[in-house]
N, C-alpha and C. Protein backbone atom coordinates (compact mmCIF):
# COMPACT_ATOMS: atom_id res chain seq x y z
N PRO A 1 46.39 21.46 56.83
CA PRO A 1 46.15 22.56 56.38
C PRO A 1 47.80 22.90 55.03
N ASP A 2 47.67 23.22 53.78
CA ASP A 2 48.46 23.20 52.54
C ASP A 2 49.50 24.08 53.48
N LEU A 3 50.67 24.02 52.94
CA LEU A 3 51.87 25.00 52.95
C LEU A 3 52.29 25.61 51.51
N ASN A 4 52.95 26.63 51.31
CA ASN A 4 53.24 26.97 49.98
C ASN A 4 53.41 28.64 50.12
N GLY A 5 54.58 28.87 49.23
CA GLY A 5 55.14 30.07 49.74
C GLY A 5 56.49 30.29 48.55
N HIS A 6 57.48 31.23 49.01
CA HIS A 6 58.51 31.13 47.90
C HIS A 6 59.56 31.68 49.08
N GLU A 7 61.22 31.11 48.26
CA GLU A 7 62.22 31.16 49.24
C GLU A 7 63.15 31.64 47.95
N LYS A 8 63.94 32.89 48.65
CA LYS A 8 64.93 33.38 47.51
C LYS A 8 66.31 32.54 47.59
N TYR A 9 66.80 32.22 46.69
CA TYR A 9 68.08 31.07 46.66
C TYR A 9 68.59 31.70 45.46
N GLY A 10 70.13 31.94 45.47
CA GLY A 10 71.07 32.47 44.72
C GLY A 10 70.04 33.34 43.44
N LEU A 11 70.04 32.71 42.03
CA LEU A 11 69.62 33.92 41.27
C LEU A 11 68.32 33.89 41.04
N GLY A 12 67.33 33.05 41.78
CA GLY A 12 66.22 33.66 41.85
C GLY A 12 65.01 32.95 42.46
N ASN A 13 63.81 32.92 42.57
CA ASN A 13 63.19 32.34 43.72
C ASN A 13 62.77 31.03 43.37
N VAL A 14 62.49 30.25 44.63
CA VAL A 14 61.59 29.14 44.15
C VAL A 14 60.63 29.03 44.93
N LYS A 15 59.40 28.58 44.13
CA LYS A 15 58.01 28.66 44.76
C LYS A 15 57.73 27.09 45.08
N TYR A 16 57.34 27.00 46.38
CA TYR A 16 56.91 25.40 46.79
C TYR A 16 55.67 25.35 47.09
N ASN A 17 54.98 24.40 47.08
CA ASN A 17 53.52 23.86 47.43
C ASN A 17 53.74 22.49 48.16
N ILE A 18 53.28 22.35 48.98
CA ILE A 18 52.75 21.17 49.62
C ILE A 18 51.30 20.66 50.60
N SER A 19 51.01 19.98 49.88
CA SER A 19 49.78 19.68 50.07
C SER A 19 49.40 18.17 50.54
N ARG A 20 47.89 17.81 50.68
CA ARG A 20 47.33 16.51 50.84
C ARG A 20 48.26 16.18 52.08
N ILE A 21 48.77 16.79 53.31
CA ILE A 21 49.56 16.47 54.18
C ILE A 21 48.61 15.38 55.36
N ARG A 22 49.16 14.07 55.69
CA ARG A 22 48.27 13.24 55.91
C ARG A 22 49.45 12.41 57.14
N VAL A 23 48.86 12.08 58.14
CA VAL A 23 49.69 11.43 58.99
C VAL A 23 49.23 10.08 58.80
N THR A 24 50.09 9.01 58.55
CA THR A 24 49.45 7.70 58.27
C THR A 24 50.15 6.47 59.29
N ALA A 25 50.68 7.16 60.27
CA ALA A 25 51.16 6.28 61.51
C ALA A 25 51.54 6.89 62.36
N VAL A 26 51.38 6.30 63.52
CA VAL A 26 52.02 6.92 64.94
C VAL A 26 52.35 5.69 65.68
N GLU A 27 53.29 5.26 66.31
CA GLU A 27 53.53 4.68 67.33
C GLU A 27 54.00 5.09 68.54
N PHE A 28 53.83 4.70 69.63
CA PHE A 28 54.00 4.87 70.95
C PHE A 28 54.53 3.42 71.55
N PRO A 29 55.65 2.99 71.60
CA PRO A 29 56.06 1.97 71.93
C PRO A 29 56.05 1.91 73.62
N SER A 30 56.43 3.28 74.35
CA SER A 30 56.39 3.54 75.42
C SER A 30 55.87 4.95 75.94
N ALA A 31 54.73 4.47 76.90
CA ALA A 31 54.24 5.76 77.18
C ALA A 31 53.66 5.81 78.72
N SER A 32 53.92 6.53 79.62
CA SER A 32 53.51 6.73 80.84
C SER A 32 52.60 7.84 81.35
N ILE A 33 51.94 7.52 82.57
CA ILE A 33 51.48 8.26 82.99
C ILE A 33 51.18 8.82 84.68
N SER A 34 51.97 9.19 85.15
CA SER A 34 52.23 9.39 86.88
C SER A 34 51.67 10.77 87.59
N LEU A 35 50.55 10.36 88.73
CA LEU A 35 50.56 11.51 89.18
C LEU A 35 51.42 12.20 90.29
N LEU A 36 51.35 13.61 89.79
CA LEU A 36 52.68 14.68 90.73
C LEU A 36 51.86 15.05 92.13
N PRO A 37 51.71 14.99 92.64
CA PRO A 37 50.84 15.48 94.10
C PRO A 37 51.24 16.62 94.55
N GLY A 38 50.07 17.36 94.30
CA GLY A 38 49.86 18.94 94.62
C GLY A 38 50.11 19.72 93.06
N THR A 39 50.59 18.51 92.16
CA THR A 39 51.30 19.60 90.66
C THR A 39 49.99 19.45 89.83
N GLY A 40 49.76 17.55 89.50
CA GLY A 40 49.03 17.58 88.60
C GLY A 40 49.35 16.18 88.20
N ILE A 41 49.60 15.81 86.43
CA ILE A 41 49.91 14.33 86.06
C ILE A 41 50.83 14.79 84.87
N LYS A 42 51.92 13.51 84.98
CA LYS A 42 52.78 13.82 84.28
C LYS A 42 52.48 12.95 83.18
N LEU A 43 52.91 13.29 81.76
CA LEU A 43 52.73 12.21 80.61
C LEU A 43 54.21 12.23 79.92
N VAL A 44 54.76 11.14 79.88
CA VAL A 44 56.15 11.04 79.24
C VAL A 44 55.84 9.78 77.98
N ILE A 45 56.15 10.04 76.83
CA ILE A 45 56.54 9.55 75.64
C ILE A 45 57.52 9.15 75.19
N ALA A 46 57.75 8.05 75.21
CA ALA A 46 59.31 7.77 74.56
C ALA A 46 59.66 7.07 73.58
N ASN A 47 60.58 7.16 72.82
CA ASN A 47 60.95 6.46 71.66
C ASN A 47 59.77 6.62 70.67
N ALA A 48 59.00 7.44 70.42
CA ALA A 48 57.48 7.31 69.49
C ALA A 48 58.17 7.58 68.13
N SER A 49 57.44 7.07 67.32
CA SER A 49 57.81 7.74 65.96
C SER A 49 56.57 8.24 65.22
N LEU A 50 56.51 8.58 63.65
CA LEU A 50 55.17 9.63 63.13
C LEU A 50 55.98 9.33 61.75
N THR A 51 54.92 8.95 60.62
CA THR A 51 54.91 8.88 59.23
C THR A 51 54.07 9.67 58.87
N ILE A 52 54.65 10.81 57.53
CA ILE A 52 53.76 11.85 57.03
C ILE A 52 53.91 11.85 55.78
N ASP A 53 52.86 11.54 55.08
CA ASP A 53 52.45 11.23 53.41
C ASP A 53 52.20 12.73 52.91
N MET A 54 52.69 13.42 51.91
CA MET A 54 52.17 14.57 51.07
C MET A 54 52.62 14.66 49.70
N ASN A 55 51.93 15.31 49.16
CA ASN A 55 52.25 15.69 47.74
C ASN A 55 52.99 17.03 47.52
N TRP A 56 53.69 17.16 47.27
CA TRP A 56 54.64 18.16 46.64
C TRP A 56 55.24 18.86 45.36
N SER A 57 55.10 20.23 45.27
CA SER A 57 55.78 20.83 43.99
C SER A 57 56.76 22.09 44.46
N LEU A 58 57.54 21.77 43.12
CA LEU A 58 58.82 23.04 43.15
C LEU A 58 58.53 23.67 42.04
N ARG A 59 58.89 25.16 41.68
CA ARG A 59 58.97 25.72 40.36
C ARG A 59 60.30 26.92 40.67
N THR A 60 60.81 27.14 39.80
CA THR A 60 61.91 27.88 39.67
C THR A 60 61.64 28.33 38.26
N TRP A 61 62.80 29.43 37.90
CA TRP A 61 63.01 30.21 36.44
C TRP A 61 63.26 28.75 35.47
N MET A 62 64.22 27.79 36.19
CA MET A 62 64.49 27.17 35.27
C MET A 62 63.82 25.68 34.62
N PHE A 63 62.91 25.13 35.95
CA PHE A 63 62.54 23.92 35.82
C PHE A 63 61.20 23.84 37.02
N LYS A 64 60.34 22.89 36.90
CA LYS A 64 59.29 22.73 37.37
C LYS A 64 59.35 21.08 38.28
N ASP A 65 58.74 20.47 39.42
CA ASP A 65 58.74 19.08 39.39
C ASP A 65 57.67 19.43 40.16
N THR A 66 57.41 17.84 40.45
CA THR A 66 56.10 17.43 41.44
C THR A 66 56.43 16.16 41.69
N GLY A 67 55.48 15.63 42.88
CA GLY A 67 55.74 14.53 43.24
C GLY A 67 55.30 14.25 44.80
N ARG A 68 55.32 13.15 45.52
CA ARG A 68 54.83 12.59 46.79
C ARG A 68 56.43 12.50 47.46
N SER A 69 55.67 12.45 49.02
CA SER A 69 56.95 12.60 49.75
C SER A 69 56.61 11.93 50.96
N THR A 70 57.76 11.11 51.40
CA THR A 70 57.14 10.38 52.95
C THR A 70 58.07 11.10 54.01
N VAL A 71 57.62 11.15 54.75
CA VAL A 71 58.82 11.57 56.05
C VAL A 71 58.39 10.66 57.37
N TYR A 72 59.61 10.23 57.42
CA TYR A 72 59.53 9.58 58.75
C TYR A 72 60.44 9.98 60.06
N ILE A 73 59.65 10.38 61.17
CA ILE A 73 60.83 11.18 62.41
C ILE A 73 60.47 9.66 63.13
N SER A 74 61.53 9.69 63.53
CA SER A 74 61.68 8.76 64.87
C SER A 74 62.44 9.04 66.41
N LYS A 75 62.57 8.32 67.38
CA LYS A 75 63.18 8.72 68.65
C LYS A 75 62.53 9.92 68.75
N ILE A 76 61.38 10.00 69.25
CA ILE A 76 60.40 11.02 69.33
C ILE A 76 60.25 11.01 71.12
N PHE A 77 60.92 11.97 71.80
CA PHE A 77 60.50 11.96 73.33
C PHE A 77 59.63 13.18 73.71
N VAL A 78 58.46 12.96 74.67
CA VAL A 78 57.96 14.07 74.81
C VAL A 78 57.44 13.55 76.45
N THR A 79 57.48 14.84 77.25
CA THR A 79 57.19 15.28 78.53
C THR A 79 56.38 16.28 78.72
N ALA A 80 55.44 16.31 79.40
CA ALA A 80 54.47 17.19 79.29
C ALA A 80 53.84 17.01 80.89
N ILE A 81 53.62 18.18 81.21
CA ILE A 81 53.06 18.08 82.65
C ILE A 81 51.66 19.05 82.72
N PHE A 82 50.50 18.38 83.42
CA PHE A 82 49.17 19.16 82.85
C PHE A 82 48.53 19.33 84.61
N SER A 83 48.32 20.31 85.18
CA SER A 83 47.68 20.82 85.65
C SER A 83 46.23 21.22 85.98
N LYS A 84 45.53 21.09 86.95
CA LYS A 84 44.16 21.36 87.33
C LYS A 84 44.10 22.67 88.03
N PRO A 85 43.89 23.82 87.48
CA PRO A 85 43.85 24.96 88.01
C PRO A 85 42.39 25.09 88.70
N PRO A 86 42.42 26.10 89.88
CA PRO A 86 41.08 25.57 90.44
C PRO A 86 40.11 27.03 89.35
N ASP A 87 38.90 25.87 89.59
CA ASP A 87 37.66 26.38 88.72
C ASP A 87 36.52 27.10 89.90
N HIS A 88 36.17 27.97 89.81
CA HIS A 88 35.15 28.34 90.72
C HIS A 88 33.71 28.48 89.99
N THR A 89 33.41 28.15 88.80
CA THR A 89 32.46 28.32 88.24
C THR A 89 32.23 26.91 88.21
N GLY A 90 32.76 25.55 88.86
CA GLY A 90 31.94 24.25 88.43
C GLY A 90 32.30 23.36 87.35
N HIS A 91 33.12 23.75 86.50
CA HIS A 91 34.05 23.37 85.08
C HIS A 91 35.11 23.02 85.44
N THR A 92 35.44 21.50 85.11
CA THR A 92 36.66 20.96 84.55
C THR A 92 37.78 21.37 84.01
N LEU A 93 38.52 22.05 84.62
CA LEU A 93 40.03 22.76 83.57
C LEU A 93 41.01 21.88 83.57
N ILE A 94 41.61 21.27 82.47
CA ILE A 94 43.10 20.90 82.48
C ILE A 94 43.83 21.78 81.83
N SER A 95 44.95 22.52 82.43
CA SER A 95 45.79 23.13 81.69
C SER A 95 47.43 22.26 81.53
N LEU A 96 47.91 22.89 80.40
CA LEU A 96 49.57 22.40 80.27
C LEU A 96 50.41 23.16 80.72
N THR A 97 51.04 22.43 81.64
CA THR A 97 51.72 23.72 82.37
C THR A 97 53.13 23.93 81.76
N SER A 98 53.62 22.25 81.26
CA SER A 98 55.20 22.26 80.89
C SER A 98 54.89 20.93 79.94
N CYS A 99 55.89 21.61 78.70
CA CYS A 99 56.15 20.58 77.44
C CYS A 99 57.41 20.75 77.08
N ARG A 100 57.89 19.38 77.06
CA ARG A 100 59.26 19.59 76.11
C ARG A 100 58.89 18.09 75.18
N THR A 101 59.49 18.32 73.92
CA THR A 101 59.57 16.93 72.38
C THR A 101 60.85 17.47 72.33
N THR A 102 61.42 16.35 72.00
CA THR A 102 62.82 16.28 71.16
C THR A 102 62.51 15.24 70.02
N SER A 103 63.29 15.27 68.81
CA SER A 103 63.29 13.93 68.04
C SER A 103 64.85 13.94 67.61
N GLY A 104 65.15 12.57 67.12
CA GLY A 104 66.17 11.78 66.96
C GLY A 104 66.60 11.99 65.51
N ASP A 105 65.67 11.15 64.79
CA ASP A 105 66.13 11.18 63.47
C ASP A 105 64.93 11.31 62.53
N ILE A 106 65.38 11.95 61.02
CA ILE A 106 64.13 12.59 60.68
C ILE A 106 64.36 12.07 58.95
N ASP A 107 63.56 11.12 58.05
CA ASP A 107 64.04 10.57 56.80
C ASP A 107 62.65 10.80 56.06
N ILE A 108 63.59 11.45 54.75
CA ILE A 108 62.61 12.07 53.93
C ILE A 108 62.84 11.36 52.52
N LYS A 109 61.87 10.70 51.93
CA LYS A 109 61.63 10.32 50.69
C LYS A 109 61.33 11.13 49.64
N LEU A 110 61.71 11.73 48.70
CA LEU A 110 61.19 11.99 47.86
C LEU A 110 61.07 11.56 46.47
N ASN A 111 59.48 11.56 45.95
CA ASN A 111 59.31 10.88 44.32
C ASN A 111 58.79 11.75 43.54
N GLY A 112 60.00 12.06 42.34
CA GLY A 112 59.33 12.86 41.67
C GLY A 112 59.37 12.66 39.94
N LYS A 113 59.15 13.73 39.07
CA LYS A 113 59.42 13.11 37.88
C LYS A 113 60.42 13.42 37.57
N SER A 114 61.39 14.35 37.86
CA SER A 114 62.58 14.55 37.67
C SER A 114 63.62 13.62 38.37
């Protein structure tokens, strides 16, 4: 979904709109799955990266600008543990028991008219 809103800075408001958000690349150079006896499944993703493209616009009482942006997030680490809780209805359920995510670097490139 698009993101839009406004923030108050100094003497005025800044209105923003971020639209057409698209994930254009995902890399998982190191991923592993292991069984945790009596607990469930552990998923570990190391050193992943993500590239997102989007359109943006800003407007203040002084100026307005629009453009495109690329956000590159790297050094993403995810550890997730999934469990299978008992289900007496016969359906298979998988539950996310814990999840920890960190990212190292974020590079933002803005291309606008100004």
